Structures are given as C-alpha cells and as structure tokens.
Amino acid sequence: MSAGGAFGGNRGVSPVPPEKGVFPLDHTHLCDLEKKEYISCLKSSGHKSEKCRLFSKKYLECRMEKNLMAKQDMSELGFGKEYDKEASEEKQNGRIDRLKWFVDGFLKLGE
C-alpha cells in the first residue's frame, strides 16, 4: 500500500504558491469582452495561442486597468519589442489576405 495522501498526493511535499501570487477572479465580468474575444480566437485558430497574442495582451491590459491583477510592464509578460514587430507583420499580412480575397471575388463577378 502507498503512503500517499488524499487523491494520491504526497503528504511529505508542501504546496508551493503560484509564481505571480493570487489575483481576484473577474466576478463582476469587467473584462468579459476581452476574454470572449480571446477564447473565440483560440477556437477559430485550432487552439494555437501564438495566433491570439493580441487578444491575450488586451485581456491582460484590461485586468491590470481594472485592478484584477498587479500592474506589470508587458515585456515582463512576454510582450516585448519582438512581439510588437510580429503583431504589425501579422496585421499587414491580414490586410494583404483580405485585399486578395476582395480582388478575387471582384474578378469572379466580372466573369
């Protein structure tokens, strides 16, 4: 028989608090729009979080503005200058894709 605790846990190891500490849940739904946009992006991208970084950043900024988490520099949360460059490139690529879609559709109308 094992000497583990409830649910198979090890009684000899004490729990470790989260690295960033405890932060309040959004019970009053102050950042619901940002959360829903992020979750929607995750679903539409096949849960590839790198494609939804802009929404993740907006959500974290909302939480900081509403005092639902400690204010931190976004670079400490993984949104540095490299991220800004990637985001602007993705935005530009999205514009090009939409323009191609529009032109292709317009040309098909003329056929």
C-alpha atoms as a PDB file:
ATOM      1  CA  MET A   1       0.000   0.000   0.000  1.00  0.00           C
ATOM      2  CA  SER A   2       1.261   3.510  -0.747  1.00  0.00           C
ATOM      3  CA  ALA A   3       1.770   6.220   1.846  1.00  0.00           C
ATOM      4  CA  GLY A   4       0.197   8.967  -0.326  1.00  0.00           C
ATOM      5  CA  GLY A   5      -2.433  11.407   0.863  1.00  0.00           C
ATOM      6  CA  ALA A   6      -5.917  12.028  -0.434  1.00  0.00           C
ATOM      7  CA  PHE A   7      -6.262  11.592  -4.194  1.00  0.00           C
ATOM      8  CA  GLY A   8      -2.804  10.042  -4.414  1.00  0.00           C
ATOM      9  CA  GLY A   9      -0.965  13.158  -3.247  1.00  0.00           C
ATOM     10  CA  ASN A  10       2.333  13.016  -1.394  1.00  0.00           C
ATOM     11  CA  ARG A  11       1.977  14.016   2.250  1.00  0.00           C
ATOM     12  CA  GLY A  12       5.666  14.902   2.569  1.00  0.00           C
ATOM     13  CA  VAL A  13       5.593  17.721  -0.002  1.00  0.00           C
ATOM     14  CA  SER A  14       4.149  21.078   0.969  1.00  0.00           C
ATOM     15  CA  PRO A  15       2.233  23.080  -1.646  1.00  0.00           C
ATOM     16  CA  VAL A  16       4.022  25.873  -3.483  1.00  0.00           C
ATOM     17  CA  PRO A  17       2.190  29.164  -4.142  1.00  0.00           C
ATOM     18  CA  PRO A  18       1.874  30.395  -7.738  1.00  0.00           C
ATOM     19  CA  GLU A  19       4.797  32.469  -9.018  1.00  0.00           C
ATOM     20  CA  LYS A  20       2.710  35.609  -9.639  1.00  0.00           C
ATOM     21  CA  GLY A  21       0.693  35.302  -6.438  1.00  0.00           C
ATOM     22  CA  VAL A  22      -3.066  35.272  -6.044  1.00  0.00           C
ATOM     23  CA  PHE A  23      -5.269  37.558  -8.076  1.00  0.00           C
ATOM     24  CA  PRO A  24      -9.057  38.033  -7.885  1.00  0.00           C
ATOM     25  CA  LEU A  25     -11.392  36.375 -10.337  1.00  0.00           C
ATOM     26  CA  ASP A  26     -13.493  38.632 -12.538  1.00  0.00           C
ATOM     27  CA  HIS A  27     -16.788  38.037 -10.704  1.00  0.00           C
ATOM     28  CA  THR A  28     -18.265  41.305 -11.987  1.00  0.00           C
ATOM     29  CA  HIS A  29     -17.322  40.486 -15.615  1.00  0.00           C
ATOM     30  CA  LEU A  30     -15.308  43.660 -16.114  1.00  0.00           C
ATOM     31  CA  CYS A  31     -13.152  42.048 -18.818  1.00  0.00           C
ATOM     32  CA  ASP A  32     -15.710  39.685 -20.367  1.00  0.00           C
ATOM     33  CA  LEU A  33     -15.458  41.168 -23.864  1.00  0.00           C
ATOM     34  CA  GLU A  34     -11.686  40.739 -23.954  1.00  0.00           C
ATOM     35  CA  LYS A  35     -11.952  37.224 -22.523  1.00  0.00           C
ATOM     36  CA  LYS A  36     -14.587  36.200 -25.071  1.00  0.00           C
ATOM     37  CA  GLU A  37     -12.546  37.628 -27.963  1.00  0.00           C
ATOM     38  CA  TYR A  38      -9.509  35.654 -26.794  1.00  0.00           C
ATOM     39  CA  ILE A  39     -11.448  32.409 -26.381  1.00  0.00           C
ATOM     40  CA  SER A  40     -13.126  32.891 -29.760  1.00  0.00           C
ATOM     41  CA  CYS A  41      -9.729  33.408 -31.370  1.00  0.00           C
ATOM     42  CA  LEU A  42      -8.402  30.247 -29.734  1.00  0.00           C
ATOM     43  CA  LYS A  43     -11.346  28.227 -31.041  1.00  0.00           C
ATOM     44  CA  SER A  44     -11.070  29.594 -34.571  1.00  0.00           C
ATOM     45  CA  SER A  45      -7.292  29.057 -34.703  1.00  0.00           C
ATOM     46  CA  GLY A  46      -7.379  25.462 -33.504  1.00  0.00           C
ATOM     47  CA  HIS A  47      -6.181  26.499 -30.028  1.00  0.00           C
ATOM     48  CA  LYS A  48      -2.889  27.901 -31.334  1.00  0.00           C
ATOM     49  CA  SER A  49      -2.261  30.590 -28.744  1.00  0.00           C
ATOM     50  CA  GLU A  50       0.510  32.293 -30.741  1.00  0.00           C
ATOM     51  CA  LYS A  51      -2.128  33.426 -33.257  1.00  0.00           C
ATOM     52  CA  CYS A  52      -4.136  35.064 -30.460  1.00  0.00           C
ATOM     53  CA  ARG A  53      -1.409  37.031 -28.688  1.00  0.00           C
ATOM     54  CA  LEU A  54      -3.034  40.375 -29.472  1.00  0.00           C
ATOM     55  CA  PHE A  55      -6.233  39.277 -27.708  1.00  0.00           C
ATOM     56  CA  SER A  56      -4.227  37.869 -24.819  1.00  0.00           C
ATOM     57  CA  LYS A  57      -2.447  41.206 -24.437  1.00  0.00           C
ATOM     58  CA  LYS A  58      -5.758  43.114 -24.498  1.00  0.00           C
ATOM     59  CA  TYR A  59      -7.170  40.805 -21.826  1.00  0.00           C
ATOM     60  CA  LEU A  60      -4.173  41.239 -19.539  1.00  0.00           C
ATOM     61  CA  GLU A  61      -4.228  45.023 -20.037  1.00  0.00           C
ATOM     62  CA  CYS A  62      -7.921  45.075 -19.103  1.00  0.00           C
ATOM     63  CA  ARG A  63      -7.243  43.054 -15.944  1.00  0.00           C
ATOM     64  CA  MET A  64      -4.496  45.473 -14.940  1.00  0.00           C
ATOM     65  CA  GLU A  65      -6.652  48.547 -15.658  1.00  0.00           C
ATOM     66  CA  LYS A  66      -9.499  47.145 -13.533  1.00  0.00           C
ATOM     67  CA  ASN A  67      -7.128  46.151 -10.685  1.00  0.00           C
ATOM     68  CA  LEU A  68      -7.802  42.447 -11.176  1.00  0.00           C
ATOM     69  CA  MET A  69      -4.071  41.797 -11.271  1.00  0.00           C
ATOM     70  CA  ALA A  70      -0.922  43.675 -10.364  1.00  0.00           C
ATOM     71  CA  LYS A  71       0.266  46.185 -12.942  1.00  0.00           C
ATOM     72  CA  GLN A  72       3.359  44.977 -14.759  1.00  0.00           C
ATOM     73  CA  ASP A  73       5.290  46.011 -17.790  1.00  0.00           C
ATOM     74  CA  MET A  74       4.009  43.989 -20.749  1.00  0.00           C
ATOM     75  CA  SER A  75       7.576  42.989 -21.615  1.00  0.00           C
ATOM     76  CA  GLU A  76       7.664  41.050 -18.322  1.00  0.00           C
ATOM     77  CA  LEU A  77       4.652  39.084 -19.553  1.00  0.00           C
ATOM     78  CA  GLY A  78       6.192  38.175 -22.898  1.00  0.00           C
ATOM     79  CA  PHE A  79       5.027  41.149 -24.967  1.00  0.00           C
ATOM     80  CA  GLY A  80       8.250  42.939 -25.832  1.00  0.00           C
ATOM     81  CA  LYS A  81       9.511  44.702 -28.939  1.00  0.00           C
ATOM     82  CA  GLU A  82       9.712  41.390 -30.830  1.00  0.00           C
ATOM     83  CA  TYR A  83       6.008  40.888 -30.154  1.00  0.00           C
ATOM     84  CA  ASP A  84       5.154  44.362 -31.477  1.00  0.00           C
ATOM     85  CA  LYS A  85       7.078  43.634 -34.682  1.00  0.00           C
ATOM     86  CA  GLU A  86       5.318  40.264 -35.118  1.00  0.00           C
ATOM     87  CA  ALA A  87       1.911  41.826 -34.458  1.00  0.00           C
ATOM     88  CA  SER A  88       2.425  44.557 -37.065  1.00  0.00           C
ATOM     89  CA  GLU A  89       3.591  41.961 -39.608  1.00  0.00           C
ATOM     90  CA  GLU A  90       0.542  39.781 -38.887  1.00  0.00           C
ATOM     91  CA  LYS A  91      -1.716  42.803 -39.221  1.00  0.00           C
ATOM     92  CA  GLN A  92      -0.138  43.683 -42.569  1.00  0.00           C
ATOM     93  CA  ASN A  93      -0.422  40.067 -43.774  1.00  0.00           C
ATOM     94  CA  GLY A  94      -4.094  40.063 -42.772  1.00  0.00           C
ATOM     95  CA  ARG A  95      -4.676  43.210 -44.817  1.00  0.00           C
ATOM     96  CA  ILE A  96      -2.997  41.641 -47.836  1.00  0.00           C
ATOM     97  CA  ASP A  97      -5.067  38.455 -47.462  1.00  0.00           C
ATOM     98  CA  ARG A  98      -8.309  40.468 -47.241  1.00  0.00           C
ATOM     99  CA  LEU A  99      -7.293  42.525 -50.272  1.00  0.00           C
ATOM    100  CA  LYS A 100      -6.557  39.343 -52.283  1.00  0.00           C
ATOM    101  CA  TRP A 101      -9.920  37.916 -51.234  1.00  0.00           C
ATOM    102  CA  PHE A 102     -11.700  41.112 -52.308  1.00  0.00           C
ATOM    103  CA  VAL A 103      -9.926  41.300 -55.690  1.00  0.00           C
ATOM    104  CA  ASP A 104     -10.511  37.597 -56.398  1.00  0.00           C
ATOM    105  CA  GLY A 105     -14.197  37.983 -55.598  1.00  0.00           C
ATOM    106  CA  PHE A 106     -14.432  41.115 -57.713  1.00  0.00           C
ATOM    107  CA  LEU A 107     -12.787  39.385 -60.682  1.00  0.00           C
ATOM    108  CA  LYS A 108     -15.169  36.414 -60.384  1.00  0.00           C
ATOM    109  CA  LEU A 109     -18.117  38.795 -60.584  1.00  0.00           C
ATOM    110  CA  GLY A 110     -16.812  40.054 -63.923  1.00  0.00           C
ATOM    111  CA  GLU A 111     -16.605  36.555 -65.457  1.00  0.00           C
END
